[in-house]
């Protein structure tokens, strides 16, 4: 019986089958590459460092009063005159010369949006966003705090979010920072404070920073 040519036979078939099985794995890079990090977590699964600053929209019209839009037209869904002044002064809150060195300049700005929502949150931060030359992100409506929290944590840091006061506690819970000592259960009846949340090595800290932008601010 003639011998099989060199390089053929059962041994060659086994090598061929093994190469076919390992080929897709090598092409996918599974032998050496680590999985890409999640945008909210680092490669080891630890949460990314973050700083999230929350404010309420500026002053709204009192009951029976009206606000004004950018053209001076009356609209109760807009800001009062004092609210417009606060919005105009808001860029100064992030200038160290104004004594606000506790608050860094935001790299991303969010405001409550959605069809039919009052424009107060957007109007509050538009002068700041213009000064920073970044857009106001208004994709999320009040009630979508879980989605907003993920967007905030994946955005360039630090972040400022301007929100309706009754939705702020839901946003804080979605961030996972609601059990920190000193965090109020509800937003106070004030327009002149900033809630600043900082996450380092997976742990949140909290501080409340006064704005001191207008006469009469606490």
C-alpha atoms as a PDB file:
ATOM      1  CA  UNK A   1       0.000   0.000   0.000  1.00  0.00           C
ATOM      2  CA  UNK A   2       1.579   3.345  -1.032  1.00  0.00           C
ATOM      3  CA  UNK A   3       2.476   5.803   1.721  1.00  0.00           C
ATOM      4  CA  UNK A   4       0.635   9.124   2.013  1.00  0.00           C
ATOM      5  CA  UNK A   5       2.637  12.092   0.755  1.00  0.00           C
ATOM      6  CA  UNK A   6       4.453  14.127   3.394  1.00  0.00           C
ATOM      7  CA  UNK A   7       2.256  16.797   4.997  1.00  0.00           C
ATOM      8  CA  UNK A   8      -1.030  14.918   4.409  1.00  0.00           C
ATOM      9  CA  UNK A   9      -3.125  12.521   6.435  1.00  0.00           C
ATOM     10  CA  UNK A  10      -4.859  12.736   9.872  1.00  0.00           C
ATOM     11  CA  UNK A  11      -2.228  15.039  11.409  1.00  0.00           C
ATOM     12  CA  UNK A  12      -2.654  17.654   8.662  1.00  0.00           C
ATOM     13  CA  UNK A  13      -6.453  17.454   8.890  1.00  0.00           C
ATOM     14  CA  UNK A  14      -6.295  18.120  12.642  1.00  0.00           C
ATOM     15  CA  UNK A  15      -4.115  21.185  12.088  1.00  0.00           C
ATOM     16  CA  UNK A  16      -6.487  22.458   9.416  1.00  0.00           C
ATOM     17  CA  UNK A  17      -9.555  22.085  11.662  1.00  0.00           C
ATOM     18  CA  UNK A  18      -7.794  23.811  14.581  1.00  0.00           C
ATOM     19  CA  UNK A  19      -6.708  26.738  12.407  1.00  0.00           C
ATOM     20  CA  UNK A  20     -10.265  27.178  11.128  1.00  0.00           C
ATOM     21  CA  UNK A  21     -11.617  27.251  14.677  1.00  0.00           C
ATOM     22  CA  UNK A  22      -9.069  29.781  15.960  1.00  0.00           C
ATOM     23  CA  UNK A  23      -9.166  32.060  12.935  1.00  0.00           C
ATOM     24  CA  UNK A  24     -12.294  34.098  13.905  1.00  0.00           C
ATOM     25  CA  UNK A  25     -11.003  34.544  17.460  1.00  0.00           C
ATOM     26  CA  UNK A  26      -7.681  35.907  16.260  1.00  0.00           C
ATOM     27  CA  UNK A  27      -9.416  38.220  13.807  1.00  0.00           C
ATOM     28  CA  UNK A  28     -11.610  39.593  16.602  1.00  0.00           C
ATOM     29  CA  UNK A  29      -8.548  40.295  18.737  1.00  0.00           C
ATOM     30  CA  UNK A  30      -9.895  38.280  21.685  1.00  0.00           C
ATOM     31  CA  UNK A  31      -6.503  36.844  22.505  1.00  0.00           C
ATOM     32  CA  UNK A  32      -4.891  40.160  23.509  1.00  0.00           C
ATOM     33  CA  UNK A  33      -7.346  43.095  23.590  1.00  0.00           C
ATOM     34  CA  UNK A  34      -9.417  44.083  26.613  1.00  0.00           C
ATOM     35  CA  UNK A  35     -13.066  45.082  26.162  1.00  0.00           C
ATOM     36  CA  UNK A  36     -13.670  48.758  25.485  1.00  0.00           C
ATOM     37  CA  UNK A  37     -14.547  50.732  28.650  1.00  0.00           C
ATOM     38  CA  UNK A  38     -18.152  51.655  29.268  1.00  0.00           C
ATOM     39  CA  UNK A  39     -18.655  55.444  28.890  1.00  0.00           C
ATOM     40  CA  UNK A  40     -19.930  55.708  32.470  1.00  0.00           C
ATOM     41  CA  UNK A  41     -17.313  53.355  33.934  1.00  0.00           C
ATOM     42  CA  UNK A  42     -13.601  52.896  33.516  1.00  0.00           C
ATOM     43  CA  UNK A  43     -11.935  49.755  32.106  1.00  0.00           C
ATOM     44  CA  UNK A  44     -12.079  48.024  35.484  1.00  0.00           C
ATOM     45  CA  UNK A  45     -15.762  48.831  35.982  1.00  0.00           C
ATOM     46  CA  UNK A  46     -15.170  51.665  38.445  1.00  0.00           C
ATOM     47  CA  UNK A  47     -17.353  54.755  37.878  1.00  0.00           C
ATOM     48  CA  UNK A  48     -15.741  57.633  36.035  1.00  0.00           C
ATOM     49  CA  UNK A  49     -14.878  60.738  37.993  1.00  0.00           C
ATOM     50  CA  UNK A  50     -17.527  63.404  37.475  1.00  0.00           C
ATOM     51  CA  UNK A  51     -18.716  66.804  38.648  1.00  0.00           C
ATOM     52  CA  UNK A  52     -22.384  67.664  38.213  1.00  0.00           C
ATOM     53  CA  UNK A  53     -23.730  71.095  39.131  1.00  0.00           C
ATOM     54  CA  UNK A  54     -27.495  71.522  39.385  1.00  0.00           C
ATOM     55  CA  UNK A  55     -29.462  74.769  39.404  1.00  0.00           C
ATOM     56  CA  UNK A  56     -33.100  75.675  39.314  1.00  0.00           C
ATOM     57  CA  UNK A  57     -34.232  77.934  36.499  1.00  0.00           C
ATOM     58  CA  UNK A  58     -34.121  81.649  37.313  1.00  0.00           C
ATOM     59  CA  UNK A  59     -37.087  83.520  38.778  1.00  0.00           C
ATOM     60  CA  UNK A  60     -40.412  83.012  37.045  1.00  0.00           C
ATOM     61  CA  UNK A  61     -43.310  85.486  37.016  1.00  0.00           C
ATOM     62  CA  UNK A  62     -45.395  85.697  40.155  1.00  0.00           C
ATOM     63  CA  UNK A  63     -49.013  84.468  39.914  1.00  0.00           C
ATOM     64  CA  UNK A  64     -50.943  86.936  37.808  1.00  0.00           C
ATOM     65  CA  UNK A  65     -47.760  88.413  36.369  1.00  0.00           C
ATOM     66  CA  UNK A  66     -46.196  87.713  32.969  1.00  0.00           C
ATOM     67  CA  UNK A  67     -42.712  87.051  31.774  1.00  0.00           C
ATOM     68  CA  UNK A  68     -41.093  88.255  28.591  1.00  0.00           C
ATOM     69  CA  UNK A  69     -39.467  86.435  25.715  1.00  0.00           C
ATOM     70  CA  UNK A  70     -36.319  87.631  23.937  1.00  0.00           C
ATOM     71  CA  UNK A  71     -38.382  90.067  21.857  1.00  0.00           C
ATOM     72  CA  UNK A  72     -40.113  91.581  24.868  1.00  0.00           C
ATOM     73  CA  UNK A  73     -43.415  89.780  24.270  1.00  0.00           C
ATOM     74  CA  UNK A  74     -45.328  88.781  27.388  1.00  0.00           C
ATOM     75  CA  UNK A  75     -45.375  85.060  28.116  1.00  0.00           C
ATOM     76  CA  UNK A  76     -46.008  83.429  31.522  1.00  0.00           C
ATOM     77  CA  UNK A  77     -43.741  80.512  30.538  1.00  0.00           C
ATOM     78  CA  UNK A  78     -40.706  82.779  30.373  1.00  0.00           C
ATOM     79  CA  UNK A  79     -38.638  84.474  33.065  1.00  0.00           C
ATOM     80  CA  UNK A  80     -39.502  87.500  35.147  1.00  0.00           C
ATOM     81  CA  UNK A  81     -37.339  90.586  34.806  1.00  0.00           C
ATOM     82  CA  UNK A  82     -35.316  89.497  37.836  1.00  0.00           C
ATOM     83  CA  UNK A  83     -34.951  86.061  36.283  1.00  0.00           C
ATOM     84  CA  UNK A  84     -33.615  87.604  33.085  1.00  0.00           C
ATOM     85  CA  UNK A  85     -31.074  89.561  35.112  1.00  0.00           C
ATOM     86  CA  UNK A  86     -29.984  86.390  36.895  1.00  0.00           C
ATOM     87  CA  UNK A  87     -29.526  84.628  33.561  1.00  0.00           C
ATOM     88  CA  UNK A  88     -27.407  87.515  32.302  1.00  0.00           C
ATOM     89  CA  UNK A  89     -25.227  87.379  35.429  1.00  0.00           C
ATOM     90  CA  UNK A  90     -24.853  83.604  35.486  1.00  0.00           C
ATOM     91  CA  UNK A  91     -21.592  83.523  33.440  1.00  0.00           C
ATOM     92  CA  UNK A  92     -19.948  85.506  36.244  1.00  0.00           C
ATOM     93  CA  UNK A  93     -20.671  82.689  38.687  1.00  0.00           C
ATOM     94  CA  UNK A  94     -17.903  80.660  37.053  1.00  0.00           C
ATOM     95  CA  UNK A  95     -15.294  83.427  37.060  1.00  0.00           C
ATOM     96  CA  UNK A  96     -12.845  83.131  39.984  1.00  0.00           C
ATOM     97  CA  UNK A  97     -12.670  86.926  40.260  1.00  0.00           C
ATOM     98  CA  UNK A  98     -16.276  86.848  41.464  1.00  0.00           C
ATOM     99  CA  UNK A  99     -15.307  84.668  44.416  1.00  0.00           C
ATOM    100  CA  UNK A 100     -16.753  81.481  42.964  1.00  0.00           C
ATOM    101  CA  UNK A 101     -13.576  79.419  42.723  1.00  0.00           C
ATOM    102  CA  UNK A 102     -15.534  76.456  44.130  1.00  0.00           C
ATOM    103  CA  UNK A 103     -17.310  76.117  40.788  1.00  0.00           C
ATOM    104  CA  UNK A 104     -15.365  75.312  37.621  1.00  0.00           C
ATOM    105  CA  UNK A 105     -16.547  76.411  34.201  1.00  0.00           C
ATOM    106  CA  UNK A 106     -18.877  73.804  32.702  1.00  0.00           C
ATOM    107  CA  UNK A 107     -17.786  71.806  29.674  1.00  0.00           C
ATOM    108  CA  UNK A 108     -21.393  70.807  28.931  1.00  0.00           C
ATOM    109  CA  UNK A 109     -24.710  72.524  29.728  1.00  0.00           C
ATOM    110  CA  UNK A 110     -28.095  70.798  29.903  1.00  0.00           C
ATOM    111  CA  UNK A 111     -31.554  72.318  30.301  1.00  0.00           C
ATOM    112  CA  UNK A 112     -35.035  70.837  30.519  1.00  0.00           C
ATOM    113  CA  UNK A 113     -36.653  70.712  27.094  1.00  0.00           C
ATOM    114  CA  UNK A 114     -39.338  68.800  25.300  1.00  0.00           C
ATOM    115  CA  UNK A 115     -42.400  69.846  23.342  1.00  0.00           C
ATOM    116  CA  UNK A 116     -44.640  72.252  25.224  1.00  0.00           C
ATOM    117  CA  UNK A 117     -42.232  72.702  28.150  1.00  0.00           C
ATOM    118  CA  UNK A 118     -41.722  76.232  29.526  1.00  0.00           C
ATOM    119  CA  UNK A 119     -38.588  77.862  28.170  1.00  0.00           C
ATOM    120  CA  UNK A 120     -37.358  79.015  31.589  1.00  0.00           C
ATOM    121  CA  UNK A 121     -34.585  76.442  32.004  1.00  0.00           C
ATOM    122  CA  UNK A 122     -33.192  77.060  28.540  1.00  0.00           C
ATOM    123  CA  UNK A 123     -33.411  80.838  28.925  1.00  0.00           C
ATOM    124  CA  UNK A 124     -31.573  80.656  32.246  1.00  0.00           C
ATOM    125  CA  UNK A 125     -28.457  79.047  30.794  1.00  0.00           C
ATOM    126  CA  UNK A 126     -28.393  80.485  27.266  1.00  0.00           C
ATOM    127  CA  UNK A 127     -26.175  83.482  28.198  1.00  0.00           C
ATOM    128  CA  UNK A 128     -23.755  81.145  29.958  1.00  0.00           C
ATOM    129  CA  UNK A 129     -23.639  78.734  27.027  1.00  0.00           C
ATOM    130  CA  UNK A 130     -23.067  81.647  24.656  1.00  0.00           C
ATOM    131  CA  UNK A 131     -20.176  82.891  26.797  1.00  0.00           C
ATOM    132  CA  UNK A 132     -18.681  79.380  26.847  1.00  0.00           C
ATOM    133  CA  UNK A 133     -19.367  78.911  23.119  1.00  0.00           C
ATOM    134  CA  UNK A 134     -21.067  75.570  23.657  1.00  0.00           C
ATOM    135  CA  UNK A 135     -24.649  74.480  22.883  1.00  0.00           C
ATOM    136  CA  UNK A 136     -27.448  74.085  25.399  1.00  0.00           C
ATOM    137  CA  UNK A 137     -28.498  70.431  25.366  1.00  0.00           C
ATOM    138  CA  UNK A 138     -32.308  70.300  25.609  1.00  0.00           C
ATOM    139  CA  UNK A 139     -32.985  66.741  24.495  1.00  0.00           C
ATOM    140  CA  UNK A 140     -34.572  65.597  27.761  1.00  0.00           C
ATOM    141  CA  UNK A 141     -37.907  66.615  29.257  1.00  0.00           C
ATOM    142  CA  UNK A 142     -38.810  66.738  32.935  1.00  0.00           C
ATOM    143  CA  UNK A 143     -39.652  63.152  33.868  1.00  0.00           C
ATOM    144  CA  UNK A 144     -36.743  61.676  31.891  1.00  0.00           C
ATOM    145  CA  UNK A 145     -34.240  62.096  34.710  1.00  0.00           C
ATOM    146  CA  UNK A 146     -32.811  58.559  34.390  1.00  0.00           C
ATOM    147  CA  UNK A 147     -31.852  59.160  30.754  1.00  0.00           C
ATOM    148  CA  UNK A 148     -30.587  62.627  31.616  1.00  0.00           C
ATOM    149  CA  UNK A 149     -28.364  61.231  34.383  1.00  0.00           C
ATOM    150  CA  UNK A 150     -26.654  58.856  31.983  1.00  0.00           C
ATOM    151  CA  UNK A 151     -26.157  61.630  29.425  1.00  0.00           C
ATOM    152  CA  UNK A 152     -24.731  63.892  32.134  1.00  0.00           C
ATOM    153  CA  UNK A 153     -22.250  61.240  33.266  1.00  0.00           C
ATOM    154  CA  UNK A 154     -21.061  60.511  29.728  1.00  0.00           C
ATOM    155  CA  UNK A 155     -20.747  64.182  28.732  1.00  0.00           C
ATOM    156  CA  UNK A 156     -17.509  66.177  28.975  1.00  0.00           C
ATOM    157  CA  UNK A 157     -16.924  67.137  32.592  1.00  0.00           C
ATOM    158  CA  UNK A 158     -17.794  69.223  34.532  1.00  0.00           C
ATOM    159  CA  UNK A 159     -21.503  69.519  33.722  1.00  0.00           C
ATOM    160  CA  UNK A 160     -24.167  72.086  34.607  1.00  0.00           C
ATOM    161  CA  UNK A 161     -27.837  71.078  34.412  1.00  0.00           C
ATOM    162  CA  UNK A 162     -30.705  73.546  34.812  1.00  0.00           C
ATOM    163  CA  UNK A 163     -33.896  71.762  35.793  1.00  0.00           C
ATOM    164  CA  UNK A 164     -37.392  72.207  37.151  1.00  0.00           C
ATOM    165  CA  UNK A 165     -37.125  72.100  40.941  1.00  0.00           C
ATOM    166  CA  UNK A 166     -39.608  69.240  41.443  1.00  0.00           C
ATOM    167  CA  UNK A 167     -37.555  67.001  39.130  1.00  0.00           C
ATOM    168  CA  UNK A 168     -34.203  67.645  40.794  1.00  0.00           C
ATOM    169  CA  UNK A 169     -34.604  64.967  43.525  1.00  0.00           C
ATOM    170  CA  UNK A 170     -35.346  62.366  40.828  1.00  0.00           C
ATOM    171  CA  UNK A 171     -32.199  63.402  38.980  1.00  0.00           C
ATOM    172  CA  UNK A 172     -30.119  63.171  42.151  1.00  0.00           C
ATOM    173  CA  UNK A 173     -31.470  59.647  42.742  1.00  0.00           C
ATOM    174  CA  UNK A 174     -30.683  58.690  39.153  1.00  0.00           C
ATOM    175  CA  UNK A 175     -27.101  59.870  39.680  1.00  0.00           C
ATOM    176  CA  UNK A 176     -26.892  57.644  42.766  1.00  0.00           C
ATOM    177  CA  UNK A 177     -26.129  60.575  45.067  1.00  0.00           C
ATOM    178  CA  UNK A 178     -29.390  60.893  47.006  1.00  0.00           C
ATOM    179  CA  UNK A 179     -28.149  59.270  50.234  1.00  0.00           C
ATOM    180  CA  UNK A 180     -25.286  61.637  50.823  1.00  0.00           C
ATOM    181  CA  UNK A 181     -25.242  63.508  54.138  1.00  0.00           C
ATOM    182  CA  UNK A 182     -26.650  66.994  53.762  1.00  0.00           C
ATOM    183  CA  UNK A 183     -28.538  66.461  50.492  1.00  0.00           C
ATOM    184  CA  UNK A 184     -32.045  67.908  50.985  1.00  0.00           C
ATOM    185  CA  UNK A 185     -35.023  65.739  50.099  1.00  0.00           C
ATOM    186  CA  UNK A 186     -36.453  68.563  47.976  1.00  0.00           C
ATOM    187  CA  UNK A 187     -35.153  71.675  46.289  1.00  0.00           C
ATOM    188  CA  UNK A 188     -35.499  74.697  48.606  1.00  0.00           C
ATOM    189  CA  UNK A 189     -37.761  77.617  47.722  1.00  0.00           C
ATOM    190  CA  UNK A 190     -34.793  79.493  46.274  1.00  0.00           C
ATOM    191  CA  UNK A 191     -33.308  80.405  42.907  1.00  0.00           C
ATOM    192  CA  UNK A 192     -29.877  81.461  44.157  1.00  0.00           C
ATOM    193  CA  UNK A 193     -28.034  78.224  44.979  1.00  0.00           C
ATOM    194  CA  UNK A 194     -26.050  75.546  43.170  1.00  0.00           C
ATOM    195  CA  UNK A 195     -26.010  71.891  44.188  1.00  0.00           C
ATOM    196  CA  UNK A 196     -22.554  70.570  43.363  1.00  0.00           C
ATOM    197  CA  UNK A 197     -21.947  66.816  43.288  1.00  0.00           C
ATOM    198  CA  UNK A 198     -18.414  65.474  42.829  1.00  0.00           C
ATOM    199  CA  UNK A 199     -17.572  61.810  42.238  1.00  0.00           C
ATOM    200  CA  UNK A 200     -14.031  60.652  42.892  1.00  0.00           C
ATOM    201  CA  UNK A 201     -12.968  56.989  42.969  1.00  0.00           C
ATOM    202  CA  UNK A 202     -16.616  55.971  42.827  1.00  0.00           C
ATOM    203  CA  UNK A 203     -17.750  58.059  45.812  1.00  0.00           C
ATOM    204  CA  UNK A 204     -19.968  61.146  45.680  1.00  0.00           C
ATOM    205  CA  UNK A 205     -19.600  64.269  47.795  1.00  0.00           C
ATOM    206  CA  UNK A 206     -22.053  67.172  47.991  1.00  0.00           C
ATOM    207  CA  UNK A 207     -21.990  70.861  48.743  1.00  0.00           C
ATOM    208  CA  UNK A 208     -24.468  73.697  48.323  1.00  0.00           C
ATOM    209  CA  UNK A 209     -22.916  76.872  46.911  1.00  0.00           C
ATOM    210  CA  UNK A 210     -24.667  80.273  47.042  1.00  0.00           C
ATOM    211  CA  UNK A 211     -24.750  82.216  43.785  1.00  0.00           C
ATOM    212  CA  UNK A 212     -24.503  85.799  45.147  1.00  0.00           C
ATOM    213  CA  UNK A 213     -25.407  87.176  41.718  1.00  0.00           C
ATOM    214  CA  UNK A 214     -28.159  89.683  42.529  1.00  0.00           C
ATOM    215  CA  UNK A 215     -28.997  92.023  45.361  1.00  0.00           C
ATOM    216  CA  UNK A 216     -31.108  90.096  47.828  1.00  0.00           C
ATOM    217  CA  UNK A 217     -29.465  86.711  47.210  1.00  0.00           C
ATOM    218  CA  UNK A 218     -28.890  84.892  50.465  1.00  0.00           C
END
